[in-house]
PDB file of N, CA and C in Angstrom:
ATOM      1  N   MET A   1     137.921  54.010 139.045  1.00  0.00           N
ATOM      2  CA  MET A   1     137.994  55.393 139.597  1.00  0.00           C
ATOM      3  C   MET A   1     139.439  55.953 139.730  1.00  0.00           C
ATOM      4  N   ARG A   2     139.685  57.120 139.483  1.00  0.00           N
ATOM      5  CA  ARG A   2     141.004  57.694 139.894  1.00  0.00           C
ATOM      6  C   ARG A   2     140.601  58.769 140.783  1.00  0.00           C
ATOM      7  N   VAL A   3     140.841  59.001 142.089  1.00  0.00           N
ATOM      8  CA  VAL A   3     140.448  60.767 142.535  1.00  0.00           C
ATOM      9  C   VAL A   3     141.442  61.260 143.332  1.00  0.00           C
ATOM     10  N   VAL A   4     141.600  62.456 143.519  1.00  0.00           N
ATOM     11  CA  VAL A   4     142.493  63.245 144.391  1.00  0.00           C
ATOM     12  C   VAL A   4     141.781  63.683 145.399  1.00  0.00           C
ATOM     13  N   GLN A   5     142.324  63.470 146.763  1.00  0.00           N
ATOM     14  CA  GLN A   5     141.505  64.359 148.096  1.00  0.00           C
ATOM     15  C   GLN A   5     142.448  64.959 148.489  1.00  0.00           C
ATOM     16  N   PHE A   6     141.765  66.184 149.172  1.00  0.00           N
ATOM     17  CA  PHE A   6     142.540  66.791 150.008  1.00  0.00           C
ATOM     18  C   PHE A   6     142.221  67.188 151.482  1.00  0.00           C
ATOM     19  N   LEU A   7     143.160  67.246 152.054  1.00  0.00           N
ATOM     20  CA  LEU A   7     142.882  67.438 153.516  1.00  0.00           C
ATOM     21  C   LEU A   7     144.138  67.922 154.257  1.00  0.00           C
ATOM     22  N   ILE A   8     143.524  69.676 154.371  1.00  0.00           N
ATOM     23  CA  ILE A   8     144.597  70.448 154.591  1.00  0.00           C
ATOM     24  C   ILE A   8     144.244  71.146 156.025  1.00  0.00           C
ATOM     25  N   GLY A   9     144.008  70.194 156.959  1.00  0.00           N
ATOM     26  CA  GLY A   9     143.481  70.867 158.603  1.00  0.00           C
ATOM     27  C   GLY A   9     144.538  70.514 159.324  1.00  0.00           C
ATOM     28  N   SER A  10     144.001  70.232 160.470  1.00  0.00           N
ATOM     29  CA  SER A  10     144.957  70.196 161.761  1.00  0.00           C
ATOM     30  C   SER A  10     144.240  68.655 161.797  1.00  0.00           C
ATOM     31  N   TYR A  11     144.286  68.198 162.992  1.00  0.00           N
ATOM     32  CA  TYR A  11     143.626  66.772 163.257  1.00  0.00           C
ATOM     33  C   TYR A  11     142.801  66.447 164.168  1.00  0.00           C
ATOM     34  N   GLY A  12     141.409  65.902 163.945  1.00  0.00           N
ATOM     35  CA  GLY A  12     140.374  65.733 165.012  1.00  0.00           C
ATOM     36  C   GLY A  12     139.554  65.005 164.179  1.00  0.00           C
ATOM     37  N   GLY A  13     138.207  65.267 164.410  1.00  0.00           N
ATOM     38  CA  GLY A  13     137.300  64.218 164.212  1.00  0.00           C
ATOM     39  C   GLY A  13     136.856  64.583 162.416  1.00  0.00           C
ATOM     40  N   ALA A  14     136.933  65.244 161.943  1.00  0.00           N
ATOM     41  CA  ALA A  14     136.839  65.449 160.631  1.00  0.00           C
ATOM     42  C   ALA A  14     137.810  64.953 159.793  1.00  0.00           C
ATOM     43  N   GLU A  15     139.453  64.333 160.275  1.00  0.00           N
ATOM     44  CA  GLU A  15     140.395  64.040 159.498  1.00  0.00           C
ATOM     45  C   GLU A  15     140.208  62.444 159.950  1.00  0.00           C
ATOM     46  N   ARG A  16     139.735  62.207 161.081  1.00  0.00           N
ATOM     47  CA  ARG A  16     139.485  60.369 161.221  1.00  0.00           C
ATOM     48  C   ARG A  16     138.377  59.988 160.249  1.00  0.00           C
ATOM     49  N   PHE A  17     137.259  61.073 160.413  1.00  0.00           N
ATOM     50  CA  PHE A  17     135.910  60.240 159.255  1.00  0.00           C
ATOM     51  C   PHE A  17     136.821  60.389 157.675  1.00  0.00           C
ATOM     52  N   PHE A  18     137.733  61.376 157.326  1.00  0.00           N
ATOM     53  CA  PHE A  18     138.093  61.496 156.167  1.00  0.00           C
ATOM     54  C   PHE A  18     139.006  59.966 155.845  1.00  0.00           C
ATOM     55  N   ILE A  19     139.775  59.702 156.996  1.00  0.00           N
ATOM     56  CA  ILE A  19     140.555  58.171 156.716  1.00  0.00           C
ATOM     57  C   ILE A  19     139.771  57.137 156.588  1.00  0.00           C
ATOM     58  N   ARG A  20     138.687  57.195 157.239  1.00  0.00           N
ATOM     59  CA  ARG A  20     137.529  56.014 157.218  1.00  0.00           C
ATOM     60  C   ARG A  20     137.064  56.294 155.844  1.00  0.00           C
ATOM     61  N   LEU A  21     136.576  57.400 155.422  1.00  0.00           N
ATOM     62  CA  LEU A  21     136.112  57.556 153.900  1.00  0.00           C
ATOM     63  C   LEU A  21     136.906  56.797 153.011  1.00  0.00           C
ATOM     64  N   CYS A  22     137.898  57.229 152.945  1.00  0.00           N
ATOM     65  CA  CYS A  22     138.832  56.881 151.727  1.00  0.00           C
ATOM     66  C   CYS A  22     139.350  55.551 152.120  1.00  0.00           C
ATOM     67  N   SER A  23     139.238  55.102 153.041  1.00  0.00           N
ATOM     68  CA  SER A  23     139.578  53.650 153.495  1.00  0.00           C
ATOM     69  C   SER A  23     138.530  52.969 152.625  1.00  0.00           C
ATOM     70  N   ALA A  24     137.201  53.462 152.949  1.00  0.00           N
ATOM     71  CA  ALA A  24     136.107  52.675 152.182  1.00  0.00           C
ATOM     72  C   ALA A  24     135.841  52.575 150.888  1.00  0.00           C
ATOM     73  N   LEU A  25     136.259  53.833 150.331  1.00  0.00           N
ATOM     74  CA  LEU A  25     136.441  54.134 148.930  1.00  0.00           C
ATOM     75  C   LEU A  25     137.564  52.934 148.301  1.00  0.00           C
ATOM     76  N   ALA A  26     138.840  52.901 149.131  1.00  0.00           N
ATOM     77  CA  ALA A  26     139.671  52.140 148.359  1.00  0.00           C
ATOM     78  C   ALA A  26     139.221  50.395 148.409  1.00  0.00           C
ATOM     79  N   ALA A  27     138.334  50.405 149.661  1.00  0.00           N
ATOM     80  CA  ALA A  27     137.731  48.901 149.545  1.00  0.00           C
ATOM     81  C   ALA A  27     136.920  48.637 148.540  1.00  0.00           C
ATOM     82  N   ARG A  28     136.425  49.510 147.828  1.00  0.00           N
ATOM     83  CA  ARG A  28     135.395  49.599 146.677  1.00  0.00           C
ATOM     84  C   ARG A  28     136.229  49.562 145.161  1.00  0.00           C
ATOM     85  N   GLY A  29     137.469  49.690 145.330  1.00  0.00           N
ATOM     86  CA  GLY A  29     138.197  49.720 144.334  1.00  0.00           C
ATOM     87  C   GLY A  29     138.585  50.742 143.631  1.00  0.00           C
ATOM     88  N   VAL A  30     138.392  52.276 144.569  1.00  0.00           N
ATOM     89  CA  VAL A  30     138.358  53.272 144.122  1.00  0.00           C
ATOM     90  C   VAL A  30     140.376  53.796 144.204  1.00  0.00           C
ATOM     91  N   GLU A  31     140.987  54.091 143.445  1.00  0.00           N
ATOM     92  CA  GLU A  31     142.138  54.643 143.398  1.00  0.00           C
ATOM     93  C   GLU A  31     142.341  55.805 143.739  1.00  0.00           C
ATOM     94  N   GLN A  32     143.144  56.399 144.854  1.00  0.00           N
ATOM     95  CA  GLN A  32     143.224  57.673 145.384  1.00  0.00           C
ATOM     96  C   GLN A  32     144.218  58.069 145.699  1.00  0.00           C
ATOM     97  N   LEU A  33     144.730  59.384 145.598  1.00  0.00           N
ATOM     98  CA  LEU A  33     145.920  59.761 146.135  1.00  0.00           C
ATOM     99  C   LEU A  33     145.258  61.203 147.128  1.00  0.00           C
ATOM    100  N   LEU A  34     145.984  61.002 148.056  1.00  0.00           N
ATOM    101  CA  LEU A  34     145.350  61.713 149.378  1.00  0.00           C
ATOM    102  C   LEU A  34     146.381  63.125 149.391  1.00  0.00           C
ATOM    103  N   LEU A  35     146.293  64.485 149.371  1.00  0.00           N
ATOM    104  CA  LEU A  35     146.900  65.223 149.622  1.00  0.00           C
ATOM    105  C   LEU A  35     146.800  65.736 150.968  1.00  0.00           C
ATOM    106  N   ILE A  36     147.571  65.783 151.939  1.00  0.00           N
ATOM    107  CA  ILE A  36     147.449  65.750 153.344  1.00  0.00           C
ATOM    108  C   ILE A  36     148.697  66.818 154.033  1.00  0.00           C
ATOM    109  N   ASN A  37     148.192  67.222 154.983  1.00  0.00           N
ATOM    110  CA  ASN A  37     149.364  68.068 155.804  1.00  0.00           C
ATOM    111  C   ASN A  37     150.254  67.163 156.685  1.00  0.00           C
ATOM    112  N   ASP A  38     151.415  67.600 157.223  1.00  0.00           N
ATOM    113  CA  ASP A  38     152.227  66.960 157.555  1.00  0.00           C
ATOM    114  C   ASP A  38     152.279  66.695 159.268  1.00  0.00           C
ATOM    115  N   HIS A  39     150.625  66.804 159.462  1.00  0.00           N
ATOM    116  CA  HIS A  39     150.607  66.633 161.140  1.00  0.00           C
ATOM    117  C   HIS A  39     151.063  64.867 161.386  1.00  0.00           C
ATOM    118  N   PRO A  40     151.797  64.983 162.565  1.00  0.00           N
ATOM    119  CA  PRO A  40     152.448  63.274 162.538  1.00  0.00           C
ATOM    120  C   PRO A  40     151.060  62.189 163.031  1.00  0.00           C
ATOM    121  N   ALA A  41     150.322  62.626 163.407  1.00  0.00           N
ATOM    122  CA  ALA A  41     149.162  61.796 163.827  1.00  0.00           C
ATOM    123  C   ALA A  41     148.511  61.554 162.533  1.00  0.00           C
ATOM    124  N   LEU A  42     148.203  62.577 161.391  1.00  0.00           N
ATOM    125  CA  LEU A  42     147.628  62.312 160.538  1.00  0.00           C
ATOM    126  C   LEU A  42     148.365  61.347 159.541  1.00  0.00           C
ATOM    127  N   VAL A  43     149.701  61.647 159.377  1.00  0.00           N
ATOM    128  CA  VAL A  43     150.414  61.133 158.445  1.00  0.00           C
ATOM    129  C   VAL A  43     150.503  59.484 158.844  1.00  0.00           C
ATOM    130  N   GLY A  44     150.890  59.134 160.122  1.00  0.00           N
ATOM    131  CA  GLY A  44     151.042  58.019 160.780  1.00  0.00           C
ATOM    132  C   GLY A  44     149.647  56.995 160.610  1.00  0.00           C
ATOM    133  N   ASP A  45     148.312  57.721 160.673  1.00  0.00           N
ATOM    134  CA  ASP A  45     146.986  56.907 160.481  1.00  0.00           C
ATOM    135  C   ASP A  45     147.159  56.374 158.855  1.00  0.00           C
ATOM    136  N   VAL A  46     147.135  57.783 158.189  1.00  0.00           N
ATOM    137  CA  VAL A  46     147.245  57.163 156.452  1.00  0.00           C
ATOM    138  C   VAL A  46     148.243  56.153 156.136  1.00  0.00           C
ATOM    139  N   GLN A  47     149.449  56.139 156.685  1.00  0.00           N
ATOM    140  CA  GLN A  47     150.466  55.308 156.537  1.00  0.00           C
ATOM    141  C   GLN A  47     150.020  53.852 156.841  1.00  0.00           C
ATOM    142  N   ARG A  48     149.200  53.963 157.935  1.00  0.00           N
ATOM    143  CA  ARG A  48     148.460  52.475 158.398  1.00  0.00           C
ATOM    144  C   ARG A  48     147.810  51.858 157.562  1.00  0.00           C
ATOM    145  N   THR A  49     147.133  52.827 156.601  1.00  0.00           N
ATOM    146  CA  THR A  49     145.968  52.354 156.014  1.00  0.00           C
ATOM    147  C   THR A  49     146.395  51.795 154.470  1.00  0.00           C
ATOM    148  N   GLY A  50     147.924  52.032 154.409  1.00  0.00           N
ATOM    149  CA  GLY A  50     148.093  51.570 153.159  1.00  0.00           C
ATOM    150  C   GLY A  50     147.999  52.540 151.884  1.00  0.00           C
ATOM    151  N   LEU A  51     147.019  53.694 152.022  1.00  0.00           N
ATOM    152  CA  LEU A  51     146.599  54.715 151.066  1.00  0.00           C
ATOM    153  C   LEU A  51     147.794  55.421 150.307  1.00  0.00           C
ATOM    154  N   ARG A  52     147.472  55.853 149.257  1.00  0.00           N
ATOM    155  CA  ARG A  52     148.820  56.416 148.564  1.00  0.00           C
ATOM    156  C   ARG A  52     148.476  57.646 148.831  1.00  0.00           C
ATOM    157  N   TYR A  53     149.660  58.516 149.443  1.00  0.00           N
ATOM    158  CA  TYR A  53     149.499  60.081 149.715  1.00  0.00           C
ATOM    159  C   TYR A  53     150.908  60.859 149.272  1.00  0.00           C
ATOM    160  N   GLU A  54     150.643  62.075 149.329  1.00  0.00           N
ATOM    161  CA  GLU A  54     151.926  63.144 149.235  1.00  0.00           C
ATOM    162  C   GLU A  54     151.414  63.944 150.395  1.00  0.00           C
ATOM    163  N   ILE A  55     152.611  64.504 151.159  1.00  0.00           N
ATOM    164  CA  ILE A  55     152.405  65.802 152.197  1.00  0.00           C
ATOM    165  C   ILE A  55     152.227  66.976 151.159  1.00  0.00           C
ATOM    166  N   PHE A  56     151.148  67.529 151.621  1.00  0.00           N
ATOM    167  CA  PHE A  56     151.076  69.103 151.014  1.00  0.00           C
ATOM    168  C   PHE A  56     150.838  69.742 151.884  1.00  0.00           C
ATOM    169  N   VAL A  57     151.703  71.055 152.406  1.00  0.00           N
ATOM    170  CA  VAL A  57     151.583  72.165 153.218  1.00  0.00           C
ATOM    171  C   VAL A  57     151.640  73.123 152.242  1.00  0.00           C
ATOM    172  N   PRO A  58     150.520  74.003 152.384  1.00  0.00           N
ATOM    173  CA  PRO A  58     150.202  74.966 151.632  1.00  0.00           C
ATOM    174  C   PRO A  58     151.239  76.370 151.560  1.00  0.00           C
ATOM    175  N   SER A  59     151.756  76.792 150.604  1.00  0.00           N
ATOM    176  CA  SER A  59     152.678  77.480 150.449  1.00  0.00           C
ATOM    177  C   SER A  59     152.653  78.664 151.031  1.00  0.00           C
ATOM    178  N   ARG A  60     153.552  79.482 151.627  1.00  0.00           N
ATOM    179  CA  ARG A  60     153.122  81.193 152.496  1.00  0.00           C
ATOM    180  C   ARG A  60     152.906  82.136 151.105  1.00  0.00           C
ATOM    181  N   LEU A  61     153.511  81.484 149.903  1.00  0.00           N
ATOM    182  CA  LEU A  61     153.300  82.543 148.746  1.00  0.00           C
ATOM    183  C   LEU A  61     151.718  82.384 148.440  1.00  0.00           C
ATOM    184  N   GLY A  62     151.229  81.318 148.557  1.00  0.00           N
ATOM    185  CA  GLY A  62     149.957  80.973 148.283  1.00  0.00           C
ATOM    186  C   GLY A  62     149.718  80.297 146.830  1.00  0.00           C
ATOM    187  N   GLY A  63     148.433  80.843 146.077  1.00  0.00           N
ATOM    188  CA  GLY A  63     147.588  80.909 145.166  1.00  0.00           C
ATOM    189  C   GLY A  63     148.404  80.199 143.928  1.00  0.00           C
ATOM    190  N   ILE A  64     148.942  80.547 143.085  1.00  0.00           N
ATOM    191  CA  ILE A  64     150.124  80.066 141.672  1.00  0.00           C
ATOM    192  C   ILE A  64     150.851  79.193 142.031  1.00  0.00           C
ATOM    193  N   VAL A  65     151.743  79.600 143.267  1.00  0.00           N
ATOM    194  CA  VAL A  65     152.670  78.212 143.690  1.00  0.00           C
ATOM    195  C   VAL A  65     151.660  76.982 144.202  1.00  0.00           C
ATOM    196  N   ASP A  66     150.752  77.175 144.916  1.00  0.00           N
ATOM    197  CA  ASP A  66     150.357  75.929 144.956  1.00  0.00           C
ATOM    198  C   ASP A  66     149.020  75.341 143.963  1.00  0.00           C
ATOM    199  N   ARG A  67     148.589  75.941 142.919  1.00  0.00           N
ATOM    200  CA  ARG A  67     148.103  75.462 141.884  1.00  0.00           C
ATOM    201  C   ARG A  67     149.019  74.818 141.196  1.00  0.00           C
ATOM    202  N   TYR A  68     150.263  75.310 140.808  1.00  0.00           N
ATOM    203  CA  TYR A  68     151.448  74.632 140.243  1.00  0.00           C
ATOM    204  C   TYR A  68     151.678  73.369 140.695  1.00  0.00           C
ATOM    205  N   ARG A  69     151.945  73.375 141.995  1.00  0.00           N
ATOM    206  CA  ARG A  69     152.214  71.837 142.879  1.00  0.00           C
ATOM    207  C   ARG A  69     150.938  70.997 142.529  1.00  0.00           C
ATOM    208  N   VAL A  70     149.854  71.055 143.072  1.00  0.00           N
ATOM    209  CA  VAL A  70     148.666  70.434 142.617  1.00  0.00           C
ATOM    210  C   VAL A  70     148.535  69.941 141.134  1.00  0.00           C
ATOM    211  N   ALA A  71     148.681  70.873 140.445  1.00  0.00           N
ATOM    212  CA  ALA A  71     148.760  70.351 138.919  1.00  0.00           C
ATOM    213  C   ALA A  71     149.782  69.444 138.497  1.00  0.00           C
ATOM    214  N   LYS A  72     150.687  69.987 138.844  1.00  0.00           N
ATOM    215  CA  LYS A  72     152.348  68.848 138.954  1.00  0.00           C
ATOM    216  C   LYS A  72     151.560  67.370 139.550  1.00  0.00           C
ATOM    217  N   LEU A  73     151.147  67.249 140.608  1.00  0.00           N
ATOM    218  CA  LEU A  73     150.761  66.129 141.411  1.00  0.00           C
ATOM    219  C   LEU A  73     149.543  65.216 140.438  1.00  0.00           C
ATOM    220  N   CYS A  74     148.693  66.114 140.062  1.00  0.00           N
ATOM    221  CA  CYS A  74     147.465  65.787 139.101  1.00  0.00           C
ATOM    222  C   CYS A  74     147.887  64.880 137.929  1.00  0.00           C
ATOM    223  N   LYS A  75     148.900  65.752 137.247  1.00  0.00           N
ATOM    224  CA  LYS A  75     149.231  65.274 135.887  1.00  0.00           C
ATOM    225  C   LYS A  75     149.869  64.011 136.179  1.00  0.00           C
ATOM    226  N   ARG A  76     150.828  63.909 137.106  1.00  0.00           N
ATOM    227  CA  ARG A  76     151.525  62.141 137.358  1.00  0.00           C
ATOM    228  C   ARG A  76     150.587  61.299 137.772  1.00  0.00           C
ATOM    229  N   PHE A  77     149.625  61.388 138.546  1.00  0.00           N
ATOM    230  CA  PHE A  77     148.407  60.491 139.063  1.00  0.00           C
ATOM    231  C   PHE A  77     147.302  60.158 138.067  1.00  0.00           C
ATOM    232  N   THR A  78     146.813  61.241 137.219  1.00  0.00           N
ATOM    233  CA  THR A  78     145.791  61.409 136.255  1.00  0.00           C
ATOM    234  C   THR A  78     144.536  60.939 136.991  1.00  0.00           C
ATOM    235  N   PRO A  79     143.943  61.901 137.635  1.00  0.00           N
ATOM    236  CA  PRO A  79     142.663  61.426 138.309  1.00  0.00           C
ATOM    237  C   PRO A  79     141.310  61.517 137.477  1.00  0.00           C
ATOM    238  N   ASN A  80     140.340  60.595 137.063  1.00  0.00           N
ATOM    239  CA  ASN A  80     139.083  61.083 136.931  1.00  0.00           C
ATOM    240  C   ASN A  80     138.500  62.264 137.173  1.00  0.00           C
ATOM    241  N   MET A  81     138.397  62.115 138.713  1.00  0.00           N
ATOM    242  CA  MET A  81     137.916  63.431 139.308  1.00  0.00           C
ATOM    243  C   MET A  81     138.920  63.920 140.086  1.00  0.00           C
TER     244      MET A  81
END
């Protein structure tokens, strides 16, 4: 199974849980693309897991620009979910 997951918040308990969840899913064979913000601690923790990720900082223009960027990433990754 291939899944795209988003985490576009700061860094705290929910983000640490997200990393543990994604690591557990990967251990079960789920291929994932994580779309995360550019918080240094979050990027560092995700890099240490070896999971595939892309930095995704929402555009100030919002809506249509972000939808286009997500669609482009999904087209390349081809998720099932």
